[in-house]
């Protein structure tokens, strides 16, 4: 009798597909967990890729700014050198004008001419 009861229970369980359902359910849960994990990995990978691309763009922009700054500094130095050169020439001309005025005074040239030269100097 016990063999018959066990046989009936096994037939009911196996015939109804209960074990197959449990195995299938376990496989589906594992697959869903794996897919969820893969989705998270893909999201992180996408975020990292996006951050790397942004960083590369910023580095490129940074390099362009550095090059522009370097060019501006070079140009400023050239202009500063030209200003120094012009200041030397002006100082030389002013000194020459003072010498001319002193010579004109020694030669007793009309004071109105001397004042014109002194005014421009």
C-alpha atoms as a PDB file:
ATOM      1  CA  UNK A   1       0.000   0.000   0.000  1.00  0.00           C
ATOM      2  CA  UNK A   2       2.788   2.402   0.799  1.00  0.00           C
ATOM      3  CA  UNK A   3       4.332   1.640  -2.546  1.00  0.00           C
ATOM      4  CA  UNK A   4       1.054   2.527  -4.218  1.00  0.00           C
ATOM      5  CA  UNK A   5       0.769   5.816  -2.289  1.00  0.00           C
ATOM      6  CA  UNK A   6       4.342   6.724  -3.174  1.00  0.00           C
ATOM      7  CA  UNK A   7       3.648   5.777  -6.770  1.00  0.00           C
ATOM      8  CA  UNK A   8       0.506   7.931  -6.860  1.00  0.00           C
ATOM      9  CA  UNK A   9       2.339  10.894  -5.342  1.00  0.00           C
ATOM     10  CA  UNK A  10       5.248  10.531  -7.781  1.00  0.00           C
ATOM     11  CA  UNK A  11       2.854  10.218 -10.704  1.00  0.00           C
ATOM     12  CA  UNK A  12       0.980  13.331  -9.552  1.00  0.00           C
ATOM     13  CA  UNK A  13       4.155  15.346  -9.061  1.00  0.00           C
ATOM     14  CA  UNK A  14       5.838  14.223 -12.266  1.00  0.00           C
ATOM     15  CA  UNK A  15       2.693  14.305 -14.373  1.00  0.00           C
ATOM     16  CA  UNK A  16       1.715  17.787 -13.279  1.00  0.00           C
ATOM     17  CA  UNK A  17       5.166  19.153 -14.162  1.00  0.00           C
ATOM     18  CA  UNK A  18       5.758  20.473 -10.662  1.00  0.00           C
ATOM     19  CA  UNK A  19       9.452  19.609 -10.642  1.00  0.00           C
ATOM     20  CA  UNK A  20       9.922  20.959 -14.152  1.00  0.00           C
ATOM     21  CA  UNK A  21       8.185  24.151 -13.087  1.00  0.00           C
ATOM     22  CA  UNK A  22      10.484  24.518 -10.059  1.00  0.00           C
ATOM     23  CA  UNK A  23      13.614  23.939 -12.162  1.00  0.00           C
ATOM     24  CA  UNK A  24      12.370  26.360 -14.837  1.00  0.00           C
ATOM     25  CA  UNK A  25      11.486  28.979 -12.212  1.00  0.00           C
ATOM     26  CA  UNK A  26      14.961  28.705 -10.663  1.00  0.00           C
ATOM     27  CA  UNK A  27      16.602  29.078 -14.092  1.00  0.00           C
ATOM     28  CA  UNK A  28      14.425  32.095 -14.921  1.00  0.00           C
ATOM     29  CA  UNK A  29      15.303  33.785 -11.610  1.00  0.00           C
ATOM     30  CA  UNK A  30      18.994  33.209 -12.233  1.00  0.00           C
ATOM     31  CA  UNK A  31      18.674  34.553 -15.792  1.00  0.00           C
ATOM     32  CA  UNK A  32      16.762  37.639 -14.582  1.00  0.00           C
ATOM     33  CA  UNK A  33      19.455  38.292 -11.959  1.00  0.00           C
ATOM     34  CA  UNK A  34      22.175  37.962 -14.556  1.00  0.00           C
ATOM     35  CA  UNK A  35      20.355  40.300 -16.966  1.00  0.00           C
ATOM     36  CA  UNK A  36      19.884  42.867 -14.191  1.00  0.00           C
ATOM     37  CA  UNK A  37      23.573  42.652 -13.304  1.00  0.00           C
ATOM     38  CA  UNK A  38      24.535  43.007 -16.970  1.00  0.00           C
ATOM     39  CA  UNK A  39      22.279  46.069 -17.273  1.00  0.00           C
ATOM     40  CA  UNK A  40      24.029  47.646 -14.277  1.00  0.00           C
ATOM     41  CA  UNK A  41      27.451  46.856 -15.762  1.00  0.00           C
ATOM     42  CA  UNK A  42      26.382  48.362 -19.099  1.00  0.00           C
ATOM     43  CA  UNK A  43      25.113  51.494 -17.348  1.00  0.00           C
ATOM     44  CA  UNK A  44      28.365  51.926 -15.425  1.00  0.00           C
ATOM     45  CA  UNK A  45      30.406  51.290 -18.576  1.00  0.00           C
ATOM     46  CA  UNK A  46      28.349  53.855 -20.473  1.00  0.00           C
ATOM     47  CA  UNK A  47      28.796  56.405 -17.677  1.00  0.00           C
ATOM     48  CA  UNK A  48      32.552  55.819 -17.565  1.00  0.00           C
ATOM     49  CA  UNK A  49      32.813  56.107 -21.349  1.00  0.00           C
ATOM     50  CA  UNK A  50      30.863  59.367 -21.260  1.00  0.00           C
ATOM     51  CA  UNK A  51      33.084  60.749 -18.499  1.00  0.00           C
ATOM     52  CA  UNK A  52      36.233  59.792 -20.436  1.00  0.00           C
ATOM     53  CA  UNK A  53      34.937  61.521 -23.581  1.00  0.00           C
ATOM     54  CA  UNK A  54      34.084  64.642 -21.547  1.00  0.00           C
ATOM     55  CA  UNK A  55      37.521  64.601 -19.956  1.00  0.00           C
ATOM     56  CA  UNK A  56      39.198  64.288 -23.367  1.00  0.00           C
ATOM     57  CA  UNK A  57      37.150  67.233 -24.676  1.00  0.00           C
ATOM     58  CA  UNK A  58      38.131  69.314 -21.644  1.00  0.00           C
ATOM     59  CA  UNK A  59      41.802  68.411 -22.062  1.00  0.00           C
ATOM     60  CA  UNK A  60      41.665  69.421 -25.732  1.00  0.00           C
ATOM     61  CA  UNK A  61      40.033  72.735 -24.818  1.00  0.00           C
ATOM     62  CA  UNK A  62      42.625  73.208 -22.079  1.00  0.00           C
ATOM     63  CA  UNK A  63      45.444  72.640 -24.577  1.00  0.00           C
ATOM     64  CA  UNK A  64      43.925  75.201 -26.952  1.00  0.00           C
ATOM     65  CA  UNK A  65      43.719  77.739 -24.115  1.00  0.00           C
ATOM     66  CA  UNK A  66      47.337  77.082 -23.140  1.00  0.00           C
ATOM     67  CA  UNK A  67      48.457  77.609 -26.736  1.00  0.00           C
ATOM     68  CA  UNK A  68      46.442  80.843 -26.972  1.00  0.00           C
ATOM     69  CA  UNK A  69      47.915  82.068 -23.679  1.00  0.00           C
ATOM     70  CA  UNK A  70      51.442  81.227 -24.819  1.00  0.00           C
ATOM     71  CA  UNK A  71      50.902  83.105 -28.089  1.00  0.00           C
ATOM     72  CA  UNK A  72      49.500  86.121 -26.211  1.00  0.00           C
ATOM     73  CA  UNK A  73      52.449  86.158 -23.820  1.00  0.00           C
ATOM     74  CA  UNK A  74      54.877  85.991 -26.738  1.00  0.00           C
ATOM     75  CA  UNK A  75      53.071  88.849 -28.478  1.00  0.00           C
ATOM     76  CA  UNK A  76      53.015  90.896 -25.259  1.00  0.00           C
ATOM     77  CA  UNK A  77      56.754  90.394 -24.829  1.00  0.00           C
ATOM     78  CA  UNK A  78      57.369  91.534 -28.408  1.00  0.00           C
ATOM     79  CA  UNK A  79      55.231  94.642 -27.819  1.00  0.00           C
ATOM     80  CA  UNK A  80      57.028  95.334 -24.545  1.00  0.00           C
ATOM     81  CA  UNK A  81      60.378  95.094 -26.332  1.00  0.00           C
ATOM     82  CA  UNK A  82      59.174  97.533 -29.015  1.00  0.00           C
ATOM     83  CA  UNK A  83      57.939  99.968 -26.345  1.00  0.00           C
ATOM     84  CA  UNK A  84      61.329  99.820 -24.604  1.00  0.00           C
ATOM     85  CA  UNK A  85      63.039 100.518 -27.921  1.00  0.00           C
ATOM     86  CA  UNK A  86      60.755 103.481 -28.622  1.00  0.00           C
ATOM     87  CA  UNK A  87      61.324 104.895 -25.107  1.00  0.00           C
ATOM     88  CA  UNK A  88      65.082 104.785 -25.700  1.00  0.00           C
ATOM     89  CA  UNK A  89      64.667 106.641 -28.998  1.00  0.00           C
ATOM     90  CA  UNK A  90      62.405 109.258 -27.392  1.00  0.00           C
ATOM     91  CA  UNK A  91      64.834 109.799 -24.540  1.00  0.00           C
ATOM     92  CA  UNK A  92      67.649 110.161 -27.030  1.00  0.00           C
ATOM     93  CA  UNK A  93      65.638 112.713 -29.047  1.00  0.00           C
ATOM     94  CA  UNK A  94      64.756 114.678 -25.899  1.00  0.00           C
ATOM     95  CA  UNK A  95      68.414 114.786 -24.904  1.00  0.00           C
ATOM     96  CA  UNK A  96      69.310 115.978 -28.398  1.00  0.00           C
ATOM     97  CA  UNK A  97      66.639 118.676 -28.197  1.00  0.00           C
ATOM     98  CA  UNK A  98      68.028 119.882 -24.850  1.00  0.00           C
ATOM     99  CA  UNK A  99      71.498 120.083 -26.387  1.00  0.00           C
ATOM    100  CA  UNK A 100      70.116 122.048 -29.347  1.00  0.00           C
ATOM    101  CA  UNK A 101      68.318 124.445 -26.995  1.00  0.00           C
ATOM    102  CA  UNK A 102      71.515 124.965 -24.986  1.00  0.00           C
ATOM    103  CA  UNK A 103      73.477 125.617 -28.179  1.00  0.00           C
ATOM    104  CA  UNK A 104      70.849 128.062 -29.434  1.00  0.00           C
ATOM    105  CA  UNK A 105      70.977 129.888 -26.101  1.00  0.00           C
ATOM    106  CA  UNK A 106      74.768 130.099 -26.344  1.00  0.00           C
ATOM    107  CA  UNK A 107      74.434 131.424 -29.884  1.00  0.00           C
ATOM    108  CA  UNK A 108      71.936 133.981 -28.587  1.00  0.00           C
ATOM    109  CA  UNK A 109      69.194 132.993 -31.015  1.00  0.00           C
ATOM    110  CA  UNK A 110      65.811 134.693 -30.672  1.00  0.00           C
ATOM    111  CA  UNK A 111      64.141 133.423 -27.494  1.00  0.00           C
ATOM    112  CA  UNK A 112      60.828 132.807 -29.309  1.00  0.00           C
ATOM    113  CA  UNK A 113      62.450 130.087 -31.449  1.00  0.00           C
ATOM    114  CA  UNK A 114      63.999 128.482 -28.416  1.00  0.00           C
ATOM    115  CA  UNK A 115      60.634 128.440 -26.621  1.00  0.00           C
ATOM    116  CA  UNK A 116      59.041 126.704 -29.595  1.00  0.00           C
ATOM    117  CA  UNK A 117      61.646 123.955 -29.427  1.00  0.00           C
ATOM    118  CA  UNK A 118      61.390 123.695 -25.633  1.00  0.00           C
ATOM    119  CA  UNK A 119      57.582 123.513 -25.852  1.00  0.00           C
ATOM    120  CA  UNK A 120      57.729 120.514 -28.191  1.00  0.00           C
ATOM    121  CA  UNK A 121      60.342 118.836 -26.055  1.00  0.00           C
END
